[in-house]
């Protein structure tokens, strides 16, 4: 396995995530997490690091836009 630098790994993961339609700012954050995985795990591959980055990107994408379900007034899930 070749030894890549952190910047090389982040660039490669970010490019892959952007190709798959993830916004650039979310892809940058997720690529950092994928690079952490690659550098900390001895048997990590680029493919496994991309998988970790995609998993990390899912909740980040939800924060940016609207909620998943529309707001319905009068519907409470709390105390009854």
C-alpha atoms as a PDB file:
ATOM      1  CA  UNK A   1       0.000   0.000   0.000  1.00  0.00           C
ATOM      2  CA  UNK A   2       1.354   3.398  -0.940  1.00  0.00           C
ATOM      3  CA  UNK A   3       1.768   6.083   1.685  1.00  0.00           C
ATOM      4  CA  UNK A   4      -0.264   9.113   0.663  1.00  0.00           C
ATOM      5  CA  UNK A   5      -0.241  12.431   2.459  1.00  0.00           C
ATOM      6  CA  UNK A   6      -3.323  13.788   4.208  1.00  0.00           C
ATOM      7  CA  UNK A   7      -3.796  16.458   1.522  1.00  0.00           C
ATOM      8  CA  UNK A   8      -3.697  13.875  -1.281  1.00  0.00           C
ATOM      9  CA  UNK A   9      -6.277  11.686   0.446  1.00  0.00           C
ATOM     10  CA  UNK A  10      -8.607  14.609   1.178  1.00  0.00           C
ATOM     11  CA  UNK A  11      -8.387  15.854  -2.412  1.00  0.00           C
ATOM     12  CA  UNK A  12      -9.176  12.431  -3.839  1.00  0.00           C
ATOM     13  CA  UNK A  13     -12.108  11.793  -1.489  1.00  0.00           C
ATOM     14  CA  UNK A  14     -13.520  15.307  -1.982  1.00  0.00           C
ATOM     15  CA  UNK A  15     -13.364  14.948  -5.769  1.00  0.00           C
ATOM     16  CA  UNK A  16     -15.194  11.625  -5.610  1.00  0.00           C
ATOM     17  CA  UNK A  17     -17.933  13.018  -3.347  1.00  0.00           C
ATOM     18  CA  UNK A  18     -18.434  16.085  -5.564  1.00  0.00           C
ATOM     19  CA  UNK A  19     -18.723  13.790  -8.613  1.00  0.00           C
ATOM     20  CA  UNK A  20     -21.514  11.967  -6.781  1.00  0.00           C
ATOM     21  CA  UNK A  21     -23.452  15.202  -6.267  1.00  0.00           C
ATOM     22  CA  UNK A  22     -22.544  16.193  -2.713  1.00  0.00           C
ATOM     23  CA  UNK A  23     -22.043  19.979  -2.303  1.00  0.00           C
ATOM     24  CA  UNK A  24     -18.431  21.142  -2.074  1.00  0.00           C
ATOM     25  CA  UNK A  25     -18.559  22.438   1.510  1.00  0.00           C
ATOM     26  CA  UNK A  26     -20.117  19.205   2.788  1.00  0.00           C
ATOM     27  CA  UNK A  27     -17.650  17.162   0.728  1.00  0.00           C
ATOM     28  CA  UNK A  28     -14.729  19.063   2.245  1.00  0.00           C
ATOM     29  CA  UNK A  29     -15.836  18.277   5.804  1.00  0.00           C
ATOM     30  CA  UNK A  30     -16.566  14.646   4.983  1.00  0.00           C
ATOM     31  CA  UNK A  31     -13.220  14.261   3.205  1.00  0.00           C
ATOM     32  CA  UNK A  32     -11.459  15.334   6.390  1.00  0.00           C
ATOM     33  CA  UNK A  33     -13.233  12.568   8.287  1.00  0.00           C
ATOM     34  CA  UNK A  34     -12.384  10.038   5.564  1.00  0.00           C
ATOM     35  CA  UNK A  35      -8.722  11.084   5.652  1.00  0.00           C
ATOM     36  CA  UNK A  36      -8.695  10.644   9.447  1.00  0.00           C
ATOM     37  CA  UNK A  37      -9.968   7.096   8.954  1.00  0.00           C
ATOM     38  CA  UNK A  38      -7.359   6.358   6.300  1.00  0.00           C
ATOM     39  CA  UNK A  39      -4.467   7.642   8.400  1.00  0.00           C
ATOM     40  CA  UNK A  40      -5.554   6.062  11.690  1.00  0.00           C
ATOM     41  CA  UNK A  41      -6.506   2.575  10.481  1.00  0.00           C
ATOM     42  CA  UNK A  42      -3.625   0.367   9.328  1.00  0.00           C
ATOM     43  CA  UNK A  43      -5.686  -1.681   6.838  1.00  0.00           C
ATOM     44  CA  UNK A  44      -7.825   1.181   5.492  1.00  0.00           C
ATOM     45  CA  UNK A  45      -8.219   1.629   1.757  1.00  0.00           C
ATOM     46  CA  UNK A  46      -9.311   4.631  -0.264  1.00  0.00           C
ATOM     47  CA  UNK A  47     -12.629   2.885  -0.943  1.00  0.00           C
ATOM     48  CA  UNK A  48     -13.299   2.307   2.761  1.00  0.00           C
ATOM     49  CA  UNK A  49     -12.364   5.924   3.486  1.00  0.00           C
ATOM     50  CA  UNK A  50     -14.844   7.125   0.857  1.00  0.00           C
ATOM     51  CA  UNK A  51     -17.491   4.966   2.533  1.00  0.00           C
ATOM     52  CA  UNK A  52     -16.746   6.543   5.911  1.00  0.00           C
ATOM     53  CA  UNK A  53     -16.886  10.000   4.322  1.00  0.00           C
ATOM     54  CA  UNK A  54     -20.288   9.262   2.727  1.00  0.00           C
ATOM     55  CA  UNK A  55     -21.638   8.071   6.063  1.00  0.00           C
ATOM     56  CA  UNK A  56     -20.391  11.261   7.706  1.00  0.00           C
ATOM     57  CA  UNK A  57     -21.851  13.428   4.900  1.00  0.00           C
ATOM     58  CA  UNK A  58     -25.439  12.169   5.283  1.00  0.00           C
ATOM     59  CA  UNK A  59     -26.341  14.159   8.424  1.00  0.00           C
ATOM     60  CA  UNK A  60     -24.361  17.171   7.172  1.00  0.00           C
ATOM     61  CA  UNK A  61     -26.498  17.351   4.042  1.00  0.00           C
ATOM     62  CA  UNK A  62     -29.669  17.353   6.143  1.00  0.00           C
ATOM     63  CA  UNK A  63     -28.583  20.369   8.180  1.00  0.00           C
ATOM     64  CA  UNK A  64     -28.187  22.611   5.130  1.00  0.00           C
ATOM     65  CA  UNK A  65     -31.680  22.567   3.625  1.00  0.00           C
ATOM     66  CA  UNK A  66     -35.225  21.957   4.710  1.00  0.00           C
ATOM     67  CA  UNK A  67     -36.229  19.232   7.152  1.00  0.00           C
ATOM     68  CA  UNK A  68     -36.952  15.782   5.734  1.00  0.00           C
ATOM     69  CA  UNK A  69     -40.642  15.938   6.549  1.00  0.00           C
ATOM     70  CA  UNK A  70     -42.868  18.993   6.304  1.00  0.00           C
ATOM     71  CA  UNK A  71     -44.043  20.778   9.424  1.00  0.00           C
ATOM     72  CA  UNK A  72     -47.603  19.817  10.366  1.00  0.00           C
ATOM     73  CA  UNK A  73     -49.145  22.249  12.872  1.00  0.00           C
ATOM     74  CA  UNK A  74     -50.933  20.731  15.849  1.00  0.00           C
ATOM     75  CA  UNK A  75     -49.105  17.418  15.697  1.00  0.00           C
ATOM     76  CA  UNK A  76     -47.047  16.806  18.814  1.00  0.00           C
ATOM     77  CA  UNK A  77     -45.096  13.742  19.759  1.00  0.00           C
ATOM     78  CA  UNK A  78     -44.352  14.868  23.336  1.00  0.00           C
ATOM     79  CA  UNK A  79     -46.520  14.551  26.447  1.00  0.00           C
ATOM     80  CA  UNK A  80     -50.129  13.539  26.066  1.00  0.00           C
END
